[in-house]
Amino acid sequence: MRNTRRASYLLLLPLVLLAASALPAQDLQPPAPNVTVSAQQSDFRVAVIKASRSLMQQGKLTRVQVLRIRVAMLSPAFRNHAEELAVVQIYYSGDDQTETYLPLDSDGKVDKGQIDWEGLINFLEKFIPLLLQLLEIFGAT
């Protein structure tokens, strides 16, 4: 029985190869993953990385901690959660200039696409230790 099954597979092999050769080459390749990053996310990511480098130059962070931040910021899920947390922290900071930091749309919601993260480097330098604590709490080492 085992030899019969092997023989039937061998008979099907030329048909499979013939069918595969008839397909265009691009259909045989797996689709590329969608790893595009929107402009607002990359602005946030770049600003966080710049702030972490600044902290490292001041001696407040180690190279390993900066590397952890960089690797974590590659994850779209982490980046989105970190950005949401940053917006909430800015909004509830009690600062009188919150509206200038967080532009609102016509519905009164924060328009994340218009946030000037480069202008918030000082805030991000205070925010990064919180991100590192969250990474340690949730086990991302």
Protein backbone atom coordinates (compact mmCIF):
# COMPACT_ATOMS: atom_id res chain seq x y z
CA MET A 1 0.00 0.00 0.00
CA ARG A 2 2.83 2.31 0.81
CA ASN A 3 4.47 1.80 -2.58
CA THR A 4 1.14 2.38 -4.33
CA ARG A 5 0.69 5.73 -2.60
CA ARG A 6 4.25 6.76 -3.49
CA ALA A 7 3.70 5.73 -7.11
CA SER A 8 0.50 7.78 -7.34
CA TYR A 9 2.35 10.84 -6.01
CA LEU A 10 5.06 10.31 -8.60
CA LEU A 11 2.44 10.17 -11.35
CA LEU A 12 1.00 13.50 -10.19
CA LEU A 13 4.38 15.24 -10.05
CA PRO A 14 4.65 15.97 -13.82
CA LEU A 15 1.13 17.41 -13.80
CA VAL A 16 1.95 19.69 -10.88
CA LEU A 17 5.17 20.85 -12.54
CA LEU A 18 3.36 21.48 -15.82
CA ALA A 19 0.66 23.50 -14.06
CA ALA A 20 3.27 25.47 -12.14
CA SER A 21 5.20 26.31 -15.30
CA ALA A 22 2.04 27.68 -16.91
CA LEU A 23 1.59 30.24 -14.12
CA PRO A 24 3.31 33.60 -14.36
CA ALA A 25 6.37 33.83 -12.12
CA GLN A 26 4.89 36.62 -9.99
CA ASP A 27 2.02 34.38 -8.88
CA LEU A 28 4.45 31.91 -7.35
CA GLN A 29 5.96 34.49 -5.00
CA PRO A 30 4.22 35.22 -1.71
CA PRO A 31 2.74 38.70 -1.43
CA ALA A 32 4.97 41.25 0.21
CA PRO A 33 3.84 42.26 3.70
CA ASN A 34 2.37 45.72 4.05
CA VAL A 35 4.93 47.58 6.14
CA THR A 36 4.13 51.12 5.11
CA VAL A 37 4.25 53.72 7.83
CA SER A 38 2.05 56.76 7.64
CA ALA A 39 3.62 60.20 7.88
CA GLN A 40 2.16 60.93 11.32
CA GLN A 41 3.48 57.66 12.74
CA SER A 42 6.92 58.18 11.29
CA ASP A 43 6.97 61.75 12.68
CA PHE A 44 6.19 60.40 16.14
CA ARG A 45 8.72 57.60 15.75
CA VAL A 46 11.46 59.95 14.56
CA ALA A 47 10.75 62.42 17.37
CA VAL A 48 10.89 59.65 20.01
CA ILE A 49 14.17 58.35 18.61
CA LYS A 50 15.65 61.87 18.56
CA ALA A 51 14.54 62.46 22.14
CA SER A 52 16.02 59.12 23.26
CA ARG A 53 19.34 59.95 21.58
CA SER A 54 19.33 63.32 23.32
CA LEU A 55 18.76 61.59 26.66
CA MET A 56 21.62 59.19 25.93
CA GLN A 57 23.95 62.10 25.16
CA GLN A 58 22.93 63.68 28.48
CA GLY A 59 23.78 60.41 30.23
CA LYS A 60 20.19 59.71 31.33
CA LEU A 61 19.75 56.60 29.13
CA THR A 62 22.06 53.76 28.19
CA ARG A 63 22.63 52.53 24.65
CA VAL A 64 20.64 49.40 25.46
CA GLN A 65 17.65 51.46 26.55
CA VAL A 66 17.82 53.55 23.38
CA LEU A 67 18.00 50.36 21.34
CA ARG A 68 14.93 48.99 23.16
CA ILE A 69 13.00 52.14 22.31
CA ARG A 70 14.07 51.95 18.64
CA VAL A 71 13.09 48.30 18.32
CA ALA A 72 9.77 48.86 20.09
CA MET A 73 8.98 51.78 17.78
CA LEU A 74 9.24 49.43 14.80
CA SER A 75 6.07 47.71 15.96
CA PRO A 76 3.00 49.51 14.57
CA ALA A 77 0.91 48.33 17.52
CA PHE A 78 3.37 49.61 20.11
CA ARG A 79 3.88 52.85 18.22
CA ASN A 80 0.13 53.50 18.03
CA HIS A 81 -0.34 52.77 21.74
CA ALA A 82 2.65 54.93 22.67
CA GLU A 83 1.33 57.79 20.55
CA GLU A 84 -2.13 57.48 22.13
CA LEU A 85 -0.56 57.52 25.59
CA ALA A 86 1.55 60.56 24.71
CA VAL A 87 -1.52 62.45 23.45
CA VAL A 88 -3.44 61.61 26.64
CA GLN A 89 -0.50 62.69 28.80
CA ILE A 90 -0.22 66.02 26.96
CA TYR A 91 -3.98 66.58 27.05
CA TYR A 92 -4.28 66.00 30.80
CA SER A 93 -1.00 67.70 31.73
CA GLY A 94 -2.82 70.83 32.88
CA ASP A 95 -0.63 73.04 30.72
CA ASP A 96 -2.28 76.24 29.54
CA GLN A 97 -0.90 75.75 26.02
CA THR A 98 -2.40 72.30 25.48
CA GLU A 99 -4.43 73.56 22.51
CA THR A 100 -1.26 74.76 20.78
CA TYR A 101 0.40 71.37 21.27
CA LEU A 102 -2.66 69.34 20.30
CA PRO A 103 -4.55 70.83 17.36
CA LEU A 104 -8.27 70.04 17.42
CA ASP A 105 -10.43 69.24 14.42
CA SER A 106 -13.92 70.66 13.83
CA ASP A 107 -15.49 68.02 16.12
CA GLY A 108 -13.25 68.99 19.04
CA LYS A 109 -11.14 65.83 18.77
CA VAL A 110 -7.36 65.85 18.68
CA ASP A 111 -6.08 65.78 15.10
CA LYS A 112 -3.05 63.49 15.46
CA GLY A 113 -1.91 64.18 11.92
CA GLN A 114 -1.27 67.84 12.74
CA ILE A 115 0.75 67.35 15.94
CA ASP A 116 4.22 68.85 15.74
CA TRP A 117 6.18 66.11 17.53
CA GLU A 118 9.48 67.88 16.83
CA GLY A 119 8.22 70.79 18.91
CA LEU A 120 7.43 68.42 21.78
CA ILE A 121 10.94 67.01 22.21
CA ASN A 122 11.12 68.29 25.82
CA PHE A 123 7.89 66.46 26.63
CA LEU A 124 9.10 63.30 24.88
CA GLU A 125 12.32 63.37 26.92
CA LYS A 126 10.16 63.18 30.05
CA PHE A 127 7.84 60.60 28.44
CA ILE A 128 10.52 58.09 27.37
CA PRO A 129 11.22 56.76 30.90
CA LEU A 130 7.52 55.91 31.11
CA LEU A 131 7.79 53.98 27.83
CA LEU A 132 10.79 52.08 29.18
CA GLN A 133 8.87 51.18 32.34
CA LEU A 134 5.98 49.89 30.22
CA LEU A 135 8.39 47.79 28.16
CA GLU A 136 9.81 46.27 31.35
CA ILE A 137 6.37 45.67 32.89
CA PHE A 138 5.03 43.87 29.84
CA GLY A 139 8.16 41.79 29.40
CA ALA A 140 9.60 43.27 26.23
CA THR A 141 13.33 43.03 26.87
